[in-house]
Amino acid sequence: MTRSKTKVSAVAGSAESKATAPVARGWVSFVGTGPGDPGLLTLRAVELIRGADVVITEAPNHEPMVRTLLGLPAPDQEVDEEPVTGPRFVDGGFGEDGQPLTQAGRSKVVVREAKKQGAVVRLITGDPFLFDSAPEEARACAKAGIGVEIVPGVSSALGVPAYAGIPLTDKSNRGVTVLSGADRVDWSRFADDRTLVVLSAVGPINEVAEALLTAGRPADTPVAMTCLGTTTDQQTCVSTLGQVAADCRSARIVPPAVTVIGDVVAHRQALSWFETKPLFGWRVLVPRTKEQAGGLSARLRGHGAVPEEVPTISVEPPRNPLQMDKAVRGLVEGRYEWIAFTSINAVKAVREKFEEYGLDARAFSGLKIAAVGEKTAAAIAAWGLRADLVPTGQQSAAGLLEVWPEYDDLLDPINRVFLPRADIATENLVAGLIDLGWECDDVTAYRTVRATPPPAPTREAIKTGKFDAVVFTSSSTVRNLVGIAGKPHPSTIIAAIGPATAKTAEEHGLRVDVLAATPDVEVLVDALADFGAARRLAMLEAGQPVTKPSERKPSARRKASSK
């Protein structure tokens, strides 16, 4: 009887590929994760990770990356609800004794897990088939009769120089050679002017440079060494072949690093795009509700920041639902002329109440709808409704009052407004509507409850200035953050979404540096980015090194606002 050969698939994301690989006789998917940025994962990689029963990791960032992708809490994180189940994680780099596994040891781990009849994903930093152990592990699987799939990843040899703003080829340099500094290399073969990409060269860089100089390469040949590439800890040291060892030692370049040798390094001065982002590497605190802030954090990442979301408030149903029940019944019975939504949470609360009663958007027939701003109007539109009134200027309760019509007993058959709001909402809107001749049913649609304090390391970081900035999206986030975690350090940049939030921050002893022109989270983040860009430019013009707010204590702080 002849055993059929094991088929190795190297096709990523083809139309015939499924969300999970076949597991009838054991199957391992070797998935390249790229140099470090989770955004570089391929579609096929994400597909397989989501369907995995077992994930064998290689690097320290692999398990956190998978947990974030799948929405899983950290192993030590307390959760209020039943946690989402995820794959079982197996360390493929170190044994139970804490010692690094040999090549044979890693292969045994992969084969052992595959024989348990589950969808096994083996994560490989960079690309599985470039300077990695994946080929040997795949051969071990094939020998054991286990099927494999190879999912290419972005190699650090290509991805890291791109993130450093260094093209590996240009019109004058058409060839590139990729080498490993950890291997025995005859450097005399590379005396010409071709571009060299050297991996694992932090330790042996002095020997590599001396060998190339001895082979005939000029001492002024440009060299760039980038460590922790594609992450917000990325750092690039630009030097020459004659000085690179000393310069990288002085810059404290640490592994893992990618070294580019050749004239293409000169392009970095014009093409550096990642390390020059306005908030590059900034640790930004995002006080939030448990359900929100995803879009805010994503926009911060786009500007190079590292957002850390700290729950400060939780949105809960009202303690007594009778008032809300009565108001919804009145809405259906035609008791109101207007309904005014002052937040996305208010839209969500009314919609949930409608679903509870088996109602839909048709119950709004004949009712006029007002929204405090564009974001709230978008939430209303997602329900299949259109807001009749949205402020054209300031998107706030005050702005809504500016455009709200006076009650006219000839034009308005009903003079009552349904106002579903938070339990801590101010009375300004109600008072303003009454002045315009309207009667209001100010109904508590939801409660904002202070969250439990964050972990001790986070509280310490807030108080000691380890955060570069904090973005406040409401007055309640200011009050609750100070209440559960303490006041941010004076060196921390404070950004507020609007005048009311800024006033609350100042009442708590905080100095506001950034004020959004309109109360919108995207505008707020962009205003913080503008502040960071101006700060960076000022440092460069002054001949100073670019540092983050957490790295220095400025003697004077300025107030900025987006225009």
Protein backbone atom coordinates (compact mmCIF):
# COMPACT_ATOMS: atom_id res chain seq x y z
CA MET A 1 0.00 0.00 0.00
CA THR A 2 1.44 3.36 -1.03
CA ARG A 3 0.91 6.44 1.10
CA SER A 4 -0.27 9.39 -0.97
CA LYS A 5 1.94 12.44 -1.00
CA THR A 6 0.97 15.33 1.20
CA LYS A 7 -0.10 18.35 -0.76
CA VAL A 8 1.40 21.67 0.30
CA SER A 9 -0.75 24.67 -0.62
CA ALA A 10 0.90 28.06 -0.96
CA VAL A 11 -2.13 29.88 -2.31
CA ALA A 12 -3.42 32.59 0.02
CA GLY A 13 -6.94 33.89 -0.31
CA SER A 14 -7.96 32.00 -3.46
CA ALA A 15 -11.63 31.74 -4.37
CA GLU A 16 -11.57 28.02 -3.54
CA SER A 17 -10.05 28.45 -0.05
CA LYS A 18 -12.39 28.12 2.88
CA ALA A 19 -12.55 29.89 6.21
CA THR A 20 -10.87 26.95 7.90
CA ALA A 21 -8.57 24.29 6.53
CA PRO A 22 -9.64 20.62 6.39
CA VAL A 23 -8.98 18.86 9.70
CA ALA A 24 -10.03 15.26 9.01
CA ARG A 25 -6.49 13.85 9.34
CA GLY A 26 -4.72 16.69 11.04
CA TRP A 27 -3.92 19.96 9.37
CA VAL A 28 -1.53 22.82 10.10
CA SER A 29 -1.65 26.26 8.53
CA PHE A 30 1.71 28.06 8.66
CA VAL A 31 0.68 31.71 8.72
CA GLY A 32 3.05 34.62 8.21
CA THR A 33 2.16 37.51 10.51
CA GLY A 34 4.47 40.16 9.07
CA PRO A 35 7.09 42.16 10.99
CA GLY A 36 4.81 43.41 13.77
CA ASP A 37 1.98 45.64 12.56
CA PRO A 38 -1.24 43.54 12.80
CA GLY A 39 -2.63 45.56 9.90
CA LEU A 40 -0.26 43.69 7.59
CA LEU A 41 -2.01 40.35 8.13
CA THR A 42 -3.42 38.94 4.90
CA LEU A 43 -7.13 38.21 4.47
CA ARG A 44 -6.39 34.49 4.44
CA ALA A 45 -4.38 34.79 7.65
CA VAL A 46 -7.29 36.48 9.43
CA GLU A 47 -9.68 33.86 8.05
CA LEU A 48 -7.63 30.97 9.41
CA ILE A 49 -7.00 32.60 12.79
CA ARG A 50 -10.73 33.12 13.27
CA GLY A 51 -11.39 29.45 12.58
CA ALA A 52 -8.51 28.05 14.63
CA ASP A 53 -8.89 25.60 17.50
CA VAL A 54 -5.22 25.91 18.42
CA VAL A 55 -2.82 28.80 17.78
CA ILE A 56 0.90 28.05 18.14
CA THR A 57 2.74 31.30 18.77
CA GLU A 58 6.32 32.29 18.11
CA ALA A 59 6.73 35.92 19.22
CA PRO A 60 5.54 37.73 22.39
CA ASN A 61 3.13 39.87 20.37
CA HIS A 62 1.34 36.92 18.75
CA GLU A 63 -1.12 36.04 21.50
CA PRO A 64 -2.13 39.68 22.21
CA MET A 65 -2.55 40.23 18.47
CA VAL A 66 -4.89 37.23 18.14
CA ARG A 67 -6.85 38.22 21.24
CA THR A 68 -7.37 41.71 19.86
CA LEU A 69 -8.40 40.34 16.46
CA LEU A 70 -10.95 37.98 18.02
CA GLY A 71 -12.18 40.40 20.68
CA LEU A 72 -10.88 38.22 23.51
CA PRO A 73 -9.89 39.68 26.89
CA ALA A 74 -6.31 39.42 28.14
CA PRO A 75 -5.66 36.33 30.31
CA ASP A 76 -5.56 38.43 33.50
CA GLN A 77 -8.39 40.80 32.56
CA GLU A 78 -11.59 40.75 34.61
CA VAL A 79 -14.78 40.73 32.54
CA ASP A 80 -18.32 41.48 33.60
CA GLU A 81 -20.01 39.08 31.20
CA GLU A 82 -19.36 35.52 30.04
CA PRO A 83 -16.08 35.67 28.09
CA VAL A 84 -16.03 34.83 24.40
CA THR A 85 -14.37 31.48 23.81
CA GLY A 86 -11.32 31.43 21.61
CA PRO A 87 -8.53 29.13 20.50
CA ARG A 88 -6.10 27.40 22.84
CA PHE A 89 -2.67 29.05 22.77
CA VAL A 90 0.53 26.99 22.68
CA ASP A 91 4.01 28.49 22.99
CA GLY A 92 6.01 27.32 19.99
CA GLY A 93 9.20 29.15 20.94
CA PHE A 94 9.86 27.99 24.49
CA GLY A 95 9.37 24.71 26.32
CA GLU A 96 7.70 24.13 29.67
CA ASP A 97 11.09 24.62 31.34
CA GLY A 98 11.29 28.15 29.95
CA GLN A 99 14.20 27.32 27.66
CA PRO A 100 14.14 28.04 23.89
CA LEU A 101 13.01 25.04 21.86
CA THR A 102 15.36 23.48 19.33
CA GLN A 103 14.31 23.07 15.73
CA ALA A 104 13.35 19.47 16.43
CA GLY A 105 11.47 20.54 19.56
CA ARG A 106 9.39 23.08 17.64
CA SER A 107 8.52 20.48 15.02
CA LYS A 108 7.40 18.03 17.71
CA VAL A 109 5.07 20.64 19.22
CA VAL A 110 3.43 21.33 15.85
CA VAL A 111 3.00 17.63 14.98
CA ARG A 112 1.67 16.80 18.45
CA GLU A 113 -1.01 19.50 18.29
CA ALA A 114 -2.01 18.59 14.72
CA LYS A 115 -2.59 14.95 15.69
CA LYS A 116 -5.27 16.06 18.15
CA GLN A 117 -7.61 16.59 15.17
CA GLY A 118 -8.25 20.31 15.23
CA ALA A 119 -7.62 23.36 13.07
CA VAL A 120 -4.06 24.31 14.02
CA VAL A 121 -2.54 27.66 13.06
CA ARG A 122 1.20 28.07 13.44
CA LEU A 123 2.08 31.77 13.51
CA ILE A 124 5.40 32.76 11.97
CA THR A 125 6.90 36.24 12.21
CA GLY A 126 7.43 37.74 8.77
CA ASP A 127 7.12 35.18 5.98
CA PRO A 128 7.13 31.43 6.74
CA PHE A 129 9.53 30.55 3.92
CA LEU A 130 12.16 33.27 4.32
CA PHE A 131 14.89 32.73 6.92
CA ASP A 132 12.56 30.76 9.15
CA SER A 133 12.05 27.29 10.58
CA ALA A 134 8.69 26.75 8.86
CA PRO A 135 10.09 24.58 5.99
CA GLU A 136 11.55 22.10 8.49
CA GLU A 137 8.35 22.05 10.54
CA ALA A 138 6.25 21.58 7.37
CA ARG A 139 8.46 18.64 6.34
CA ALA A 140 7.97 17.08 9.77
CA CYS A 141 4.19 17.40 9.31
CA ALA A 142 4.38 15.86 5.84
CA LYS A 143 6.40 12.94 7.20
CA ALA A 144 3.71 12.37 9.86
CA GLY A 145 0.93 12.39 7.24
CA ILE A 146 -0.38 15.78 8.32
CA GLY A 147 -1.67 18.24 5.73
CA VAL A 148 -0.23 21.76 5.61
CA GLU A 149 -1.03 25.13 4.09
CA ILE A 150 1.46 27.94 3.69
CA VAL A 151 0.10 31.49 3.99
CA PRO A 152 2.73 34.04 2.93
CA GLY A 153 3.32 37.07 5.10
CA VAL A 154 5.04 40.42 4.64
CA SER A 155 8.72 39.73 5.22
CA SER A 156 10.61 42.09 7.49
CA ALA A 157 13.17 42.35 4.68
CA LEU A 158 10.55 44.16 2.60
CA GLY A 159 8.10 45.60 5.15
CA VAL A 160 10.54 47.26 7.55
CA PRO A 161 12.47 49.27 4.91
CA ALA A 162 9.11 50.38 3.45
CA TYR A 163 8.00 51.64 6.88
CA ALA A 164 11.38 53.39 7.21
CA GLY A 165 10.77 55.18 3.89
CA ILE A 166 13.55 53.30 2.05
CA PRO A 167 12.77 51.78 -1.37
CA LEU A 168 14.97 48.78 -2.04
CA THR A 169 15.25 49.60 -5.75
CA ASP A 170 15.12 52.76 -7.84
CA LYS A 171 16.06 53.79 -11.38
CA SER A 172 19.77 53.52 -10.64
CA ASN A 173 19.68 50.51 -8.33
CA ARG A 174 17.81 47.57 -9.80
CA GLY A 175 19.22 44.70 -7.75
CA VAL A 176 18.86 43.74 -4.10
CA THR A 177 20.27 40.87 -2.06
CA VAL A 178 18.78 39.68 1.23
CA LEU A 179 21.16 38.10 3.73
CA SER A 180 21.19 37.03 7.37
CA GLY A 181 23.87 38.49 9.59
CA ALA A 182 23.59 35.42 11.79
CA ASP A 183 24.90 33.18 8.99
CA ARG A 184 28.44 32.68 7.71
CA VAL A 185 28.61 34.95 4.67
CA ASP A 186 31.47 35.59 2.24
CA TRP A 187 31.10 39.38 2.24
CA SER A 188 33.81 39.76 -0.40
CA ARG A 189 31.19 38.70 -2.96
CA PHE A 190 29.26 41.93 -2.29
CA ALA A 191 31.91 44.54 -2.99
CA ASP A 192 29.84 46.09 -5.79
CA ASP A 193 27.22 48.80 -5.30
CA ARG A 194 24.18 46.54 -5.12
CA THR A 195 21.66 47.11 -2.32
CA LEU A 196 22.03 44.74 0.62
CA VAL A 197 19.31 43.95 3.15
CA VAL A 198 20.80 42.27 6.20
CA LEU A 199 18.63 40.65 8.87
CA SER A 200 19.81 39.88 12.41
CA ALA A 201 22.79 42.23 12.14
CA VAL A 202 22.61 44.22 15.37
CA GLY A 203 25.25 42.11 17.13
CA PRO A 204 27.61 41.45 14.21
CA ILE A 205 27.24 44.84 12.49
CA ASN A 206 30.84 45.81 13.25
CA GLU A 207 32.16 42.62 11.62
CA VAL A 208 29.79 42.99 8.66
CA ALA A 209 30.86 46.60 8.08
CA GLU A 210 34.56 45.82 8.37
CA ALA A 211 34.24 42.90 5.95
CA LEU A 212 32.48 45.04 3.34
CA LEU A 213 35.05 47.83 3.76
CA THR A 214 37.85 45.30 3.32
CA ALA A 215 36.09 44.00 0.20
CA GLY A 216 36.19 47.48 -1.30
CA ARG A 217 32.93 49.18 -0.40
CA PRO A 218 33.43 52.95 0.24
CA ALA A 219 33.31 54.08 3.87
CA ASP A 220 30.66 56.69 3.00
CA THR A 221 28.20 54.07 1.69
CA PRO A 222 24.80 54.96 3.25
CA VAL A 223 23.48 52.54 5.87
CA ALA A 224 20.19 52.51 7.77
CA MET A 225 19.35 50.18 10.63
CA THR A 226 15.71 50.02 11.73
CA CYS A 227 14.68 48.22 14.90
CA LEU A 228 11.21 47.14 16.02
CA GLY A 229 10.02 47.91 12.51
CA THR A 230 6.36 48.55 11.61
CA THR A 231 5.50 49.11 15.29
CA THR A 232 5.07 52.42 17.10
CA ASP A 233 8.42 51.72 18.81
CA GLN A 234 10.19 51.77 15.44
CA GLN A 235 13.53 53.60 15.42
CA THR A 236 15.90 54.15 12.50
CA CYS A 237 19.57 55.04 12.69
CA VAL A 238 21.02 56.45 9.46
CA SER A 239 24.78 56.31 9.15
CA THR A 240 27.58 55.22 6.83
CA LEU A 241 29.44 51.97 6.47
CA GLY A 242 32.43 53.47 8.27
CA GLN A 243 30.42 54.74 11.27
CA VAL A 244 27.38 52.47 11.52
CA ALA A 245 28.63 50.30 14.38
CA ALA A 246 29.36 53.28 16.63
CA ASP A 247 26.24 55.23 15.61
CA CYS A 248 23.85 52.33 16.19
CA ARG A 249 25.44 51.60 19.53
CA SER A 250 25.01 55.27 20.49
CA ALA A 251 21.37 55.21 19.29
CA ARG A 252 20.78 52.05 21.36
CA ILE A 253 19.38 50.07 18.44
CA VAL A 254 18.14 46.70 19.70
CA PRO A 255 17.05 43.50 17.96
CA PRO A 256 15.05 42.73 15.94
CA ALA A 257 16.43 45.07 13.31
CA VAL A 258 16.77 45.27 9.54
CA THR A 259 19.82 46.88 7.97
CA VAL A 260 19.82 48.40 4.47
CA ILE A 261 23.19 49.12 2.84
CA GLY A 262 23.36 51.15 -0.36
CA ASP A 263 22.52 54.42 -2.08
CA VAL A 264 18.75 53.81 -1.75
CA VAL A 265 19.03 54.85 1.92
CA ALA A 266 19.24 58.48 0.74
CA HIS A 267 15.54 58.35 -0.19
CA ARG A 268 14.57 58.20 3.48
CA GLN A 269 15.02 61.94 3.94
CA ALA A 270 12.12 62.60 1.56
CA LEU A 271 10.10 59.41 1.99
CA SER A 272 10.06 58.83 5.76
CA TRP A 273 6.32 58.61 6.42
CA PHE A 274 5.78 56.37 9.46
CA GLU A 275 8.11 57.76 12.10
CA THR A 276 7.09 61.31 11.13
CA LYS A 277 3.38 60.87 11.89
CA PRO A 278 2.22 63.71 14.17
CA LEU A 279 1.44 61.45 17.15
CA PHE A 280 4.01 58.75 16.42
CA GLY A 281 4.50 56.60 19.51
CA TRP A 282 2.30 58.79 21.71
CA ARG A 283 0.57 56.84 24.44
CA VAL A 284 -2.94 58.32 24.46
CA LEU A 285 -5.49 57.65 27.19
CA VAL A 286 -9.05 57.25 25.95
CA PRO A 287 -11.63 57.43 28.76
CA ARG A 288 -14.73 55.82 27.28
CA THR A 289 -17.92 53.91 27.76
CA LYS A 290 -17.42 50.16 27.50
CA GLU A 291 -19.26 50.00 24.17
CA GLN A 292 -17.73 53.02 22.44
CA ALA A 293 -14.45 54.65 21.36
CA GLY A 294 -13.56 52.12 18.66
CA GLY A 295 -13.64 54.75 15.91
CA LEU A 296 -11.75 57.26 18.05
CA SER A 297 -8.98 54.77 18.78
CA ALA A 298 -8.74 53.76 15.12
CA ARG A 299 -8.28 57.38 14.09
CA LEU A 300 -5.60 57.86 16.76
CA ARG A 301 -3.73 54.84 15.38
CA GLY A 302 -3.91 56.40 11.94
CA HIS A 303 -1.91 59.35 13.30
CA GLY A 304 0.67 56.99 14.83
CA ALA A 305 -0.60 56.98 18.42
CA VAL A 306 -1.00 54.04 20.78
CA PRO A 307 -4.48 54.42 22.28
CA GLU A 308 -5.29 52.80 25.61
CA GLU A 309 -9.01 52.63 26.33
CA VAL A 310 -9.94 52.90 29.99
CA PRO A 311 -13.63 52.38 30.81
CA THR A 312 -14.83 55.28 32.94
CA ILE A 313 -18.58 55.00 32.47
CA SER A 314 -21.02 52.29 31.58
CA VAL A 315 -24.39 52.92 29.95
CA GLU A 316 -27.17 51.15 31.85
CA PRO A 317 -31.00 51.09 31.58
CA PRO A 318 -32.91 53.43 33.92
CA ARG A 319 -33.64 52.06 37.38
CA ASN A 320 -37.36 52.64 36.87
CA PRO A 321 -38.45 51.88 33.29
CA LEU A 322 -42.06 53.02 33.78
CA GLN A 323 -41.39 56.60 32.69
CA MET A 324 -39.76 55.42 29.47
CA ASP A 325 -42.56 52.90 28.84
CA LYS A 326 -45.18 55.63 29.25
CA ALA A 327 -43.33 57.99 26.88
CA VAL A 328 -43.00 55.35 24.16
CA ARG A 329 -46.70 54.57 24.41
CA GLY A 330 -47.41 58.29 24.11
CA LEU A 331 -45.24 58.47 21.02
CA VAL A 332 -47.19 55.67 19.36
CA GLU A 333 -50.51 57.27 20.34
CA GLY A 334 -49.55 60.63 18.80
CA ARG A 335 -48.98 62.56 22.02
CA TYR A 336 -45.85 64.37 20.75
CA GLU A 337 -45.06 66.81 17.96
CA TRP A 338 -41.29 66.35 18.30
CA ILE A 339 -38.75 63.85 19.61
CA ALA A 340 -35.26 65.24 20.26
CA PHE A 341 -32.25 62.94 20.38
CA THR A 342 -29.22 64.44 22.13
CA SER A 343 -26.87 61.47 21.81
CA ILE A 344 -26.30 58.19 20.02
CA ASN A 345 -27.02 56.45 23.33
CA ALA A 346 -30.48 58.04 23.38
CA VAL A 347 -31.19 56.68 19.89
CA LYS A 348 -30.02 53.26 21.01
CA ALA A 349 -32.18 53.33 24.16
CA VAL A 350 -35.38 54.25 22.27
CA ARG A 351 -34.64 51.71 19.56
CA GLU A 352 -34.16 48.94 22.12
CA LYS A 353 -37.47 49.89 23.75
CA PHE A 354 -39.17 49.75 20.36
CA GLU A 355 -37.75 46.27 19.74
CA GLU A 356 -38.96 45.20 23.18
CA TYR A 357 -42.52 46.21 22.20
CA GLY A 358 -42.27 44.78 18.68
CA LEU A 359 -42.45 48.25 17.11
CA ASP A 360 -40.50 49.59 14.14
CA ALA A 361 -39.77 52.92 12.46
CA ARG A 362 -43.36 53.23 11.18
CA ALA A 363 -44.40 54.34 14.68
CA PHE A 364 -42.62 57.66 13.96
CA SER A 365 -45.15 58.53 11.25
CA GLY A 366 -46.20 62.18 11.60
CA LEU A 367 -43.58 62.86 14.28
CA LYS A 368 -40.82 65.43 13.74
CA ILE A 369 -37.30 64.29 14.68
CA ALA A 370 -34.46 66.48 15.93
CA ALA A 371 -30.81 65.46 16.37
CA VAL A 372 -28.15 67.30 18.33
CA GLY A 373 -25.49 66.67 15.67
CA GLU A 374 -24.42 64.78 12.57
CA LYS A 375 -23.30 61.65 14.43
CA THR A 376 -26.66 61.37 16.17
CA ALA A 377 -28.41 62.02 12.86
CA ALA A 378 -26.39 59.19 11.31
CA ALA A 379 -27.55 56.83 14.09
CA ILE A 380 -31.12 57.86 13.36
CA ALA A 381 -30.56 57.26 9.63
CA ALA A 382 -29.25 53.77 10.40
CA TRP A 383 -32.70 53.10 11.84
CA GLY A 384 -34.28 54.05 8.51
CA LEU A 385 -35.37 57.51 9.70
CA ARG A 386 -34.38 61.05 8.73
CA ALA A 387 -33.78 63.89 11.17
CA ASP A 388 -35.92 66.94 10.36
CA LEU A 389 -33.78 69.29 12.42
CA VAL A 390 -29.98 69.28 12.90
CA PRO A 391 -27.94 72.31 14.07
CA THR A 392 -26.08 74.01 11.25
CA GLY A 393 -23.55 75.57 13.57
CA GLN A 394 -22.52 74.37 17.01
CA GLN A 395 -23.58 70.74 17.43
CA SER A 396 -24.76 70.84 21.02
CA ALA A 397 -27.89 71.52 23.05
CA ALA A 398 -27.24 75.23 22.65
CA GLY A 399 -26.87 74.83 18.89
CA LEU A 400 -30.09 72.84 18.71
CA LEU A 401 -31.96 75.60 20.57
CA GLU A 402 -30.68 78.18 18.08
CA VAL A 403 -32.48 76.44 15.20
CA TRP A 404 -35.52 75.14 17.10
CA PRO A 405 -38.75 76.87 16.01
CA GLU A 406 -41.05 78.64 18.44
CA TYR A 407 -44.33 76.95 19.19
CA ASP A 408 -47.11 78.26 16.95
CA ASP A 409 -50.61 77.21 17.98
CA LEU A 410 -51.79 77.67 14.39
CA LEU A 411 -49.09 75.53 12.76
CA ASP A 412 -48.35 73.05 15.52
CA PRO A 413 -51.32 70.87 16.51
CA ILE A 414 -49.42 69.52 19.53
CA ASN A 415 -47.07 71.47 21.80
CA ARG A 416 -45.23 68.58 23.49
CA VAL A 417 -41.63 67.32 22.99
CA PHE A 418 -40.33 63.88 23.95
CA LEU A 419 -36.76 64.26 25.22
CA PRO A 420 -35.08 60.87 25.97
CA ARG A 421 -31.77 61.61 27.70
CA ALA A 422 -29.22 60.50 30.24
CA ASP A 423 -29.92 60.71 33.94
CA ILE A 424 -27.19 63.34 34.37
CA ALA A 425 -28.25 65.62 31.49
CA THR A 426 -28.34 69.36 32.18
CA GLU A 427 -31.58 71.38 32.24
CA ASN A 428 -30.47 73.94 29.64
CA LEU A 429 -32.26 72.28 26.72
CA VAL A 430 -35.51 71.82 28.64
CA ALA A 431 -35.46 75.43 29.85
CA GLY A 432 -34.77 76.68 26.34
CA LEU A 433 -37.63 74.70 24.83
CA ILE A 434 -40.02 75.95 27.50
CA ASP A 435 -38.97 79.53 26.67
CA LEU A 436 -39.91 78.78 23.04
CA GLY A 437 -43.39 77.76 24.15
CA TRP A 438 -43.00 73.97 24.18
CA GLU A 439 -43.85 71.52 26.92
CA CYS A 440 -41.24 68.81 27.52
CA ASP A 441 -41.32 65.26 28.77
CA ASP A 442 -37.71 64.99 29.93
CA VAL A 443 -37.37 61.22 30.28
CA THR A 444 -34.40 59.24 31.63
CA ALA A 445 -33.68 56.82 28.79
CA TYR A 446 -30.39 55.54 30.20
CA ARG A 447 -28.03 55.95 33.13
CA THR A 448 -24.30 56.61 33.09
CA VAL A 449 -22.61 54.61 35.83
CA ARG A 450 -19.04 55.13 36.99
CA ALA A 451 -16.84 52.17 36.09
CA THR A 452 -14.51 50.35 38.46
CA PRO A 453 -10.99 51.80 38.79
CA PRO A 454 -8.42 50.69 36.19
CA PRO A 455 -5.49 48.45 37.24
CA ALA A 456 -2.88 49.96 39.55
CA PRO A 457 -0.19 50.28 36.80
CA THR A 458 -2.61 52.34 34.68
CA ARG A 459 -3.51 54.61 37.61
CA GLU A 460 0.18 55.11 38.34
CA ALA A 461 0.89 55.91 34.68
CA ILE A 462 -1.89 58.52 34.68
CA LYS A 463 -0.58 60.28 37.78
CA THR A 464 3.14 60.15 36.89
CA GLY A 465 2.96 61.39 33.30
CA LYS A 466 3.52 58.14 31.44
CA PHE A 467 0.66 59.05 29.10
CA ASP A 468 1.42 61.63 26.44
CA ALA A 469 -2.18 62.79 26.02
CA VAL A 470 -5.73 62.15 27.16
CA VAL A 471 -8.82 62.84 25.05
CA PHE A 472 -12.02 63.77 26.87
CA THR A 473 -15.22 63.31 24.88
CA SER A 474 -17.67 64.54 27.54
CA SER A 475 -17.79 66.20 30.94
CA SER A 476 -18.70 62.87 32.53
CA THR A 477 -15.49 61.26 31.24
CA VAL A 478 -13.52 64.03 32.97
CA ARG A 479 -15.34 63.63 36.29
CA ASN A 480 -15.25 59.85 36.22
CA LEU A 481 -11.60 59.52 35.20
CA VAL A 482 -10.47 61.85 37.96
CA GLY A 483 -12.78 60.03 40.36
CA ILE A 484 -11.60 56.49 39.64
CA ALA A 485 -7.97 57.03 38.60
CA GLY A 486 -6.82 60.46 39.72
CA LYS A 487 -5.80 63.61 37.88
CA PRO A 488 -3.49 63.35 34.84
CA HIS A 489 0.06 64.64 35.29
CA PRO A 490 0.72 68.29 34.29
CA SER A 491 2.96 67.15 31.40
CA THR A 492 0.09 65.22 29.79
CA ILE A 493 -1.58 66.99 26.85
CA ILE A 494 -5.30 67.47 27.50
CA ALA A 495 -7.71 67.44 24.54
CA ALA A 496 -11.40 68.29 24.99
CA ILE A 497 -14.27 67.79 22.55
CA GLY A 498 -16.04 71.07 23.34
CA PRO A 499 -16.31 74.10 25.62
CA ALA A 500 -18.45 72.37 28.24
CA THR A 501 -15.98 69.48 28.52
CA ALA A 502 -13.07 71.93 28.63
CA LYS A 503 -14.77 73.89 31.41
CA THR A 504 -15.25 70.71 33.45
CA ALA A 505 -11.58 69.80 32.92
CA GLU A 506 -10.46 73.23 34.09
CA GLU A 507 -12.74 72.96 37.14
CA HIS A 508 -10.82 69.80 38.04
CA GLY A 509 -7.49 71.61 37.81
CA LEU A 510 -6.55 70.50 34.30
CA ARG A 511 -5.15 72.84 31.66
CA VAL A 512 -6.71 72.22 28.26
CA ASP A 513 -4.23 72.26 25.37
CA VAL A 514 -6.46 71.17 22.49
CA LEU A 515 -10.07 72.14 21.88
CA ALA A 516 -12.03 70.69 18.96
CA ALA A 517 -13.68 73.29 16.71
CA THR A 518 -16.85 71.18 16.64
CA PRO A 519 -17.97 68.49 19.11
CA ASP A 520 -16.96 65.52 16.98
CA VAL A 521 -14.48 62.78 17.91
CA GLU A 522 -12.83 62.83 14.49
CA VAL A 523 -12.37 66.59 14.69
CA LEU A 524 -10.99 66.16 18.21
CA VAL A 525 -8.41 63.58 17.16
CA ASP A 526 -7.38 65.63 14.13
CA ALA A 527 -6.97 68.68 16.36
CA LEU A 528 -4.67 66.68 18.65
CA ALA A 529 -2.72 65.54 15.58
CA ASP A 530 -2.36 69.17 14.44
CA PHE A 531 -1.05 70.03 17.90
CA GLY A 532 1.46 67.16 17.70
CA ALA A 533 2.60 68.20 14.21
CA ALA A 534 3.13 71.82 15.31
CA ARG A 535 5.02 70.66 18.39
CA ARG A 536 7.25 68.41 16.28
CA LEU A 537 7.99 71.17 13.77
CA ALA A 538 8.90 73.61 16.54
CA MET A 539 11.40 71.13 17.97
CA LEU A 540 13.00 70.53 14.58
CA GLU A 541 13.25 74.25 13.85
CA ALA A 542 14.88 74.75 17.25
CA GLY A 543 17.40 72.01 16.49
CA GLN A 544 16.08 69.85 19.28
CA PRO A 545 15.46 66.10 19.16
CA VAL A 546 11.81 65.18 18.68
CA THR A 547 10.50 63.85 21.98
CA LYS A 548 7.10 62.89 23.33
CA PRO A 549 5.38 64.84 26.12
CA SER A 550 6.02 61.94 28.50
CA GLU A 551 9.77 62.24 27.84
CA ARG A 552 10.15 65.83 28.91
CA LYS A 553 8.40 68.39 31.06
CA PRO A 554 7.84 71.60 29.07
CA SER A 555 8.23 74.79 31.00
CA ALA A 556 5.28 76.36 29.23
CA ARG A 557 2.24 74.80 27.71
CA ARG A 558 0.14 76.44 25.07
CA LYS A 559 -3.50 76.25 24.20
CA ALA A 560 -4.44 75.21 20.69
CA SER A 561 -7.68 74.87 18.80
CA SER A 562 -8.48 73.44 15.38
CA LYS A 563 -9.65 75.89 12.77
